[in-house]
C-alpha atoms as a PDB file:
ATOM      1  CA  MET A   1      38.090  43.767 -27.532  1.00  0.00           C
ATOM      2  CA  ILE A   2      39.337  43.858 -23.931  1.00  0.00           C
ATOM      3  CA  LEU A   3      42.897  44.979 -23.384  1.00  0.00           C
ATOM      4  CA  PRO A   4      44.852  45.024 -20.124  1.00  0.00           C
ATOM      5  CA  ASN A   5      45.907  48.445 -18.938  1.00  0.00           C
ATOM      6  CA  SER A   6      49.642  48.444 -18.202  1.00  0.00           C
ATOM      7  CA  ASP A   7      49.377  51.104 -15.469  1.00  0.00           C
ATOM      8  CA  GLN A   8      46.967  49.163 -13.232  1.00  0.00           C
ATOM      9  CA  SER A   9      45.427  45.724 -13.057  1.00  0.00           C
ATOM     10  CA  THR A  10      42.402  46.798 -15.066  1.00  0.00           C
ATOM     11  CA  MET A  11      40.504  45.718 -18.152  1.00  0.00           C
ATOM     12  CA  ARG A  12      39.013  48.267 -20.494  1.00  0.00           C
ATOM     13  CA  GLN A  13      36.997  48.006 -23.670  1.00  0.00           C
ATOM     14  CA  THR A  14      38.193  49.765 -26.780  1.00  0.00           C
ATOM     15  CA  GLY A  15      35.642  51.166 -29.214  1.00  0.00           C
ATOM     16  CA  ASN A  16      32.050  52.189 -28.587  1.00  0.00           C
ATOM     17  CA  SER A  17      30.070  49.595 -30.494  1.00  0.00           C
ATOM     18  CA  THR A  18      31.258  46.403 -28.802  1.00  0.00           C
ATOM     19  CA  GLY A  19      29.737  45.218 -25.522  1.00  0.00           C
ATOM     20  CA  ILE A  20      31.154  42.813 -22.998  1.00  0.00           C
ATOM     21  CA  LEU A  21      29.421  39.533 -22.283  1.00  0.00           C
ATOM     22  CA  ILE A  22      30.557  37.472 -19.317  1.00  0.00           C
ATOM     23  CA  LEU A  23      28.977  34.050 -18.987  1.00  0.00           C
ATOM     24  CA  ILE A  24      29.558  32.047 -15.836  1.00  0.00           C
ATOM     25  CA  SER A  25      28.319  28.494 -15.380  1.00  0.00           C
ATOM     26  CA  TRP A  26      28.475  26.537 -12.147  1.00  0.00           C
ATOM     27  CA  SER A  27      29.097  22.877 -12.799  1.00  0.00           C
ATOM     28  CA  ALA A  28      30.951  21.913  -9.641  1.00  0.00           C
ATOM     29  CA  PHE A  29      28.766  23.497  -6.951  1.00  0.00           C
ATOM     30  CA  VAL A  30      25.798  21.858  -5.265  1.00  0.00           C
ATOM     31  CA  PHE A  31      23.768  23.732  -2.653  1.00  0.00           C
ATOM     32  CA  PRO A  32      21.088  22.527  -0.231  1.00  0.00           C
ATOM     33  CA  ALA A  33      17.417  22.621  -1.104  1.00  0.00           C
ATOM     34  CA  LEU A  34      15.441  25.802  -0.477  1.00  0.00           C
ATOM     35  CA  ALA A  35      14.161  26.509   2.999  1.00  0.00           C
ATOM     36  CA  ALA A  36      10.996  28.472   3.652  1.00  0.00           C
ATOM     37  CA  ASP A  37      11.306  32.250   3.789  1.00  0.00           C
ATOM     38  CA  GLU A  38      14.691  32.330   2.042  1.00  0.00           C
ATOM     39  CA  ARG A  39      15.806  33.813  -1.219  1.00  0.00           C
ATOM     40  CA  LEU A  40      16.400  31.488  -4.127  1.00  0.00           C
ATOM     41  CA  SER A  41      20.140  31.664  -3.638  1.00  0.00           C
ATOM     42  CA  GLY A  42      21.387  28.152  -4.264  1.00  0.00           C
ATOM     43  CA  PHE A  43      23.130  27.904  -7.590  1.00  0.00           C
ATOM     44  CA  SER A  44      22.989  24.419  -9.048  1.00  0.00           C
ATOM     45  CA  ALA A  45      25.017  22.692 -11.755  1.00  0.00           C
ATOM     46  CA  GLY A  46      22.833  24.075 -14.541  1.00  0.00           C
ATOM     47  CA  ASP A  47      22.656  27.695 -13.341  1.00  0.00           C
ATOM     48  CA  THR A  48      24.251  30.474 -15.319  1.00  0.00           C
ATOM     49  CA  VAL A  49      25.005  34.102 -14.498  1.00  0.00           C
ATOM     50  CA  THR A  50      25.233  36.430 -17.481  1.00  0.00           C
ATOM     51  CA  ILE A  51      26.802  39.889 -17.222  1.00  0.00           C
ATOM     52  CA  ARG A  52      26.762  42.423 -20.057  1.00  0.00           C
ATOM     53  CA  SER A  53      28.213  45.914 -20.138  1.00  0.00           C
ATOM     54  CA  ALA A  54      29.940  48.288 -22.523  1.00  0.00           C
ATOM     55  CA  GLU A  55      33.057  48.403 -20.336  1.00  0.00           C
ATOM     56  CA  ALA A  56      34.510  46.386 -17.431  1.00  0.00           C
ATOM     57  CA  TRP A  57      37.693  46.702 -15.375  1.00  0.00           C
ATOM     58  CA  GLU A  58      39.199  45.248 -12.223  1.00  0.00           C
ATOM     59  CA  ASP A  59      39.859  47.487  -9.260  1.00  0.00           C
ATOM     60  CA  GLU A  60      43.302  47.722  -7.671  1.00  0.00           C
ATOM     61  CA  GLU A  61      41.741  45.970  -4.664  1.00  0.00           C
ATOM     62  CA  PRO A  62      41.065  42.240  -5.126  1.00  0.00           C
ATOM     63  CA  GLU A  63      37.619  40.905  -6.007  1.00  0.00           C
ATOM     64  CA  ILE A  64      36.159  44.277  -7.070  1.00  0.00           C
ATOM     65  CA  ILE A  65      35.000  44.740 -10.654  1.00  0.00           C
ATOM     66  CA  HIS A  66      33.558  47.949 -12.116  1.00  0.00           C
ATOM     67  CA  PHE A  67      31.193  48.173 -15.086  1.00  0.00           C
ATOM     68  CA  SER A  68      30.150  51.160 -17.169  1.00  0.00           C
ATOM     69  CA  GLY A  69      27.501  51.517 -19.857  1.00  0.00           C
ATOM     70  CA  SER A  70      24.330  49.435 -20.047  1.00  0.00           C
ATOM     71  CA  PHE A  71      25.265  47.037 -17.230  1.00  0.00           C
ATOM     72  CA  GLU A  72      22.982  44.025 -16.908  1.00  0.00           C
ATOM     73  CA  LEU A  73      23.296  40.923 -14.712  1.00  0.00           C
ATOM     74  CA  LYS A  74      20.912  37.981 -15.034  1.00  0.00           C
ATOM     75  CA  ALA A  75      20.826  34.998 -12.674  1.00  0.00           C
ATOM     76  CA  SER A  76      18.228  32.472 -11.566  1.00  0.00           C
ATOM     77  CA  ASP A  77      17.053  34.517  -8.566  1.00  0.00           C
ATOM     78  CA  TRP A  78      18.064  38.104  -9.324  1.00  0.00           C
ATOM     79  CA  TYR A  79      18.382  40.642 -12.121  1.00  0.00           C
ATOM     80  CA  LEU A  80      20.296  43.957 -12.076  1.00  0.00           C
ATOM     81  CA  SER A  81      20.398  46.803 -14.585  1.00  0.00           C
ATOM     82  CA  SER A  82      22.126  50.194 -14.404  1.00  0.00           C
ATOM     83  CA  ASP A  83      24.396  52.686 -16.122  1.00  0.00           C
ATOM     84  CA  LEU A  84      27.274  51.987 -13.702  1.00  0.00           C
ATOM     85  CA  ALA A  85      27.878  49.019 -11.414  1.00  0.00           C
ATOM     86  CA  THR A  86      30.481  47.682  -9.015  1.00  0.00           C
ATOM     87  CA  LEU A  87      30.489  44.050  -7.896  1.00  0.00           C
ATOM     88  CA  TYR A  88      32.290  43.089  -4.681  1.00  0.00           C
ATOM     89  CA  GLY A  89      33.353  39.493  -4.121  1.00  0.00           C
ATOM     90  CA  LYS A  90      33.870  36.720  -6.618  1.00  0.00           C
ATOM     91  CA  LEU A  91      32.499  37.480 -10.066  1.00  0.00           C
ATOM     92  CA  ASP A  92      30.659  34.153 -10.132  1.00  0.00           C
ATOM     93  CA  ASP A  93      29.080  34.801  -6.699  1.00  0.00           C
ATOM     94  CA  PRO A  94      29.223  38.522  -5.777  1.00  0.00           C
ATOM     95  CA  GLU A  95      28.561  39.508  -2.173  1.00  0.00           C
ATOM     96  CA  THR A  96      27.520  43.113  -2.830  1.00  0.00           C
ATOM     97  CA  ALA A  97      26.372  45.027  -5.892  1.00  0.00           C
ATOM     98  CA  VAL A  98      26.362  48.832  -6.078  1.00  0.00           C
ATOM     99  CA  LEU A  99      24.290  50.194  -8.969  1.00  0.00           C
ATOM    100  CA  THR A 100      23.987  53.752 -10.212  1.00  0.00           C
ATOM    101  CA  GLY A 101      21.711  54.747 -13.053  1.00  0.00           C
ATOM    102  CA  SER A 102      18.627  56.509 -14.136  1.00  0.00           C
ATOM    103  CA  PRO A 103      17.145  54.387 -12.892  1.00  0.00           C
ATOM    104  CA  ALA A 104      19.132  51.502 -11.452  1.00  0.00           C
ATOM    105  CA  ILE A 105      16.895  48.403 -11.339  1.00  0.00           C
ATOM    106  CA  ILE A 106      16.851  45.256  -9.208  1.00  0.00           C
ATOM    107  CA  LEU A 107      14.580  42.228  -9.304  1.00  0.00           C
ATOM    108  CA  VAL A 108      14.964  39.545  -6.595  1.00  0.00           C
ATOM    109  CA  SER A 109      12.941  36.337  -6.274  1.00  0.00           C
ATOM    110  CA  THR A 110      12.279  34.939  -2.811  1.00  0.00           C
ATOM    111  CA  GLN A 111      10.345  32.020  -1.425  1.00  0.00           C
ATOM    112  CA  SER A 112       7.949  32.718   1.422  1.00  0.00           C
ATOM    113  CA  ARG A 113       5.221  30.502   2.827  1.00  0.00           C
ATOM    114  CA  GLY A 114       5.734  28.035   0.006  1.00  0.00           C
ATOM    115  CA  ARG A 115       5.351  30.514  -2.846  1.00  0.00           C
ATOM    116  CA  VAL A 116       7.779  32.491  -4.946  1.00  0.00           C
ATOM    117  CA  ARG A 117       7.564  36.267  -4.539  1.00  0.00           C
ATOM    118  CA  THR A 118       9.288  38.953  -6.563  1.00  0.00           C
ATOM    119  CA  VAL A 119      10.737  42.186  -5.217  1.00  0.00           C
ATOM    120  CA  PHE A 120      11.237  44.924  -7.820  1.00  0.00           C
ATOM    121  CA  GLY A 121      13.143  48.111  -7.013  1.00  0.00           C
ATOM    122  CA  GLU A 122      14.375  51.126  -8.874  1.00  0.00           C
ATOM    123  CA  ALA A 123      16.301  54.181  -7.712  1.00  0.00           C
ATOM    124  CA  ASP A 124      19.154  56.481  -8.658  1.00  0.00           C
ATOM    125  CA  ARG A 125      21.470  54.288  -6.521  1.00  0.00           C
ATOM    126  CA  ILE A 126      20.959  50.749  -5.192  1.00  0.00           C
ATOM    127  CA  VAL A 127      23.191  48.751  -2.856  1.00  0.00           C
ATOM    128  CA  TYR A 128      22.278  45.059  -2.663  1.00  0.00           C
ATOM    129  CA  HIS A 129      23.900  42.777  -0.073  1.00  0.00           C
ATOM    130  CA  ARG A 130      23.285  39.168  -1.124  1.00  0.00           C
ATOM    131  CA  GLU A 131      24.444  37.549   2.116  1.00  0.00           C
ATOM    132  CA  THR A 132      21.908  39.480   4.206  1.00  0.00           C
ATOM    133  CA  ASN A 133      19.492  39.804   1.268  1.00  0.00           C
ATOM    134  CA  SER A 134      18.986  43.501   1.946  1.00  0.00           C
ATOM    135  CA  LEU A 135      18.643  46.626  -0.183  1.00  0.00           C
ATOM    136  CA  ARG A 136      19.427  50.286   0.299  1.00  0.00           C
ATOM    137  CA  MET A 137      17.956  52.528  -2.385  1.00  0.00           C
ATOM    138  CA  GLU A 138      18.595  56.263  -2.680  1.00  0.00           C
ATOM    139  CA  GLY A 139      17.111  58.963  -4.906  1.00  0.00           C
ATOM    140  CA  ALA A 140      13.643  58.538  -6.459  1.00  0.00           C
ATOM    141  CA  ALA A 141      13.405  55.095  -4.873  1.00  0.00           C
ATOM    142  CA  SER A 142      10.477  52.777  -5.527  1.00  0.00           C
ATOM    143  CA  LEU A 143       9.982  49.238  -4.208  1.00  0.00           C
ATOM    144  CA  THR A 144       7.234  46.810  -5.277  1.00  0.00           C
ATOM    145  CA  ARG A 145       6.476  43.436  -3.738  1.00  0.00           C
ATOM    146  CA  ASP A 146       3.422  41.520  -4.856  1.00  0.00           C
ATOM    147  CA  ASP A 147       0.971  44.330  -5.686  1.00  0.00           C
ATOM    148  CA  ASN A 148       2.218  46.719  -2.981  1.00  0.00           C
ATOM    149  CA  THR A 149       4.449  49.690  -3.811  1.00  0.00           C
ATOM    150  CA  MET A 150       6.343  52.142  -1.628  1.00  0.00           C
ATOM    151  CA  SER A 151       8.307  55.106  -2.894  1.00  0.00           C
ATOM    152  CA  GLY A 152      10.388  57.819  -1.285  1.00  0.00           C
ATOM    153  CA  GLY A 153      13.773  59.495  -1.363  1.00  0.00           C
ATOM    154  CA  GLU A 154      15.406  56.565   0.480  1.00  0.00           C
ATOM    155  CA  ILE A 155      14.294  52.997   1.122  1.00  0.00           C
ATOM    156  CA  GLU A 156      15.982  50.302   3.169  1.00  0.00           C
ATOM    157  CA  TYR A 157      14.489  46.828   2.826  1.00  0.00           C
ATOM    158  CA  ASP A 158      15.427  43.585   4.547  1.00  0.00           C
ATOM    159  CA  ILE A 159      14.028  41.008   2.145  1.00  0.00           C
ATOM    160  CA  GLU A 160      14.571  38.076   4.548  1.00  0.00           C
ATOM    161  CA  GLN A 161      12.696  39.713   7.428  1.00  0.00           C
ATOM    162  CA  ASP A 162      10.274  41.641   5.160  1.00  0.00           C
ATOM    163  CA  ARG A 163      11.102  44.836   7.082  1.00  0.00           C
ATOM    164  CA  ILE A 164      11.163  48.236   5.425  1.00  0.00           C
ATOM    165  CA  HIS A 165      12.164  51.781   6.349  1.00  0.00           C
ATOM    166  CA  ALA A 166      11.527  54.668   3.962  1.00  0.00           C
ATOM    167  CA  GLY A 167      11.737  58.446   4.031  1.00  0.00           C
ATOM    168  CA  GLY A 168      13.114  61.524   2.351  1.00  0.00           C
ATOM    169  CA  LYS A 169      12.294  65.209   1.864  1.00  0.00           C
ATOM    170  CA  GLU A 170       9.090  64.454  -0.027  1.00  0.00           C
ATOM    171  CA  GLY A 171       7.962  61.798   2.476  1.00  0.00           C
ATOM    172  CA  VAL A 172       6.757  58.379   1.388  1.00  0.00           C
ATOM    173  CA  TYR A 173       4.007  57.159  -0.891  1.00  0.00           C
ATOM    174  CA  ILE A 174       2.394  53.765  -0.302  1.00  0.00           C
ATOM    175  CA  LYS A 175       0.056  51.920  -2.612  1.00  0.00           C
ATOM    176  CA  ALA A 176      -1.235  48.737  -0.945  1.00  0.00           C
ATOM    177  CA  LYS A 177      -3.569  46.100  -2.278  1.00  0.00           C
ATOM    178  CA  PRO A 178      -5.467  44.310   0.516  1.00  0.00           C
ATOM    179  CA  GLU A 179      -5.056  40.537   0.652  1.00  0.00           C
ATOM    180  CA  GLY A 180      -8.167  38.523   0.325  1.00  0.00           C
END
C-alpha cells in the first residue's frame, strides 16, 4: 500500500513484503521511424514501460522520483536494475536515470548499420542520459557491446557516437573479439 507522507510530497510503501508496480502505456504518442545509428527510442502506441520497486517516493523538486529496494525498469529499448534509483523527468519518459547497486545494471538496444546492437553495463553507480544516449559508470564498471568487453574503475560511453573513455586505479581491461 502506498500512502502519502503529510510532511512532504512523497509516497512511501508500508510493509516489507509488498512491491510497487508502475505500468505506463503510451496510446496517444506516435514517433518517427528509426534512423540509422540511433537508439530505439521511439515509443509507439503499443509500448509499455514497467517499473517495479519495494519503495517509491516523489522528491520535493518536480519530476524527480526515487526508488529503493529491487528497482527494475523494463521498456522496449532499455532495461535498468539496481538497489536504489532516481528518475529525472516525466515518469513515462525519464530524461536521466541514476542507479546505485551491487551491481547496478543497464541494457540498451541501438540500431547501427541496419542491425540492432545491445549495450550491457554494470557498475556500483550508473548515470544514463537518454537524450544524449550516454552512460557514466563508476566503481567496478564493466561494459559489453557485441562480444567486446571493457572494464575499469570508471567508464564513460557515448552510445550514439560509439566513443568510450575508461580508467581507474587498477587501469582498464579489454576483451575484444575480432570481426570477420
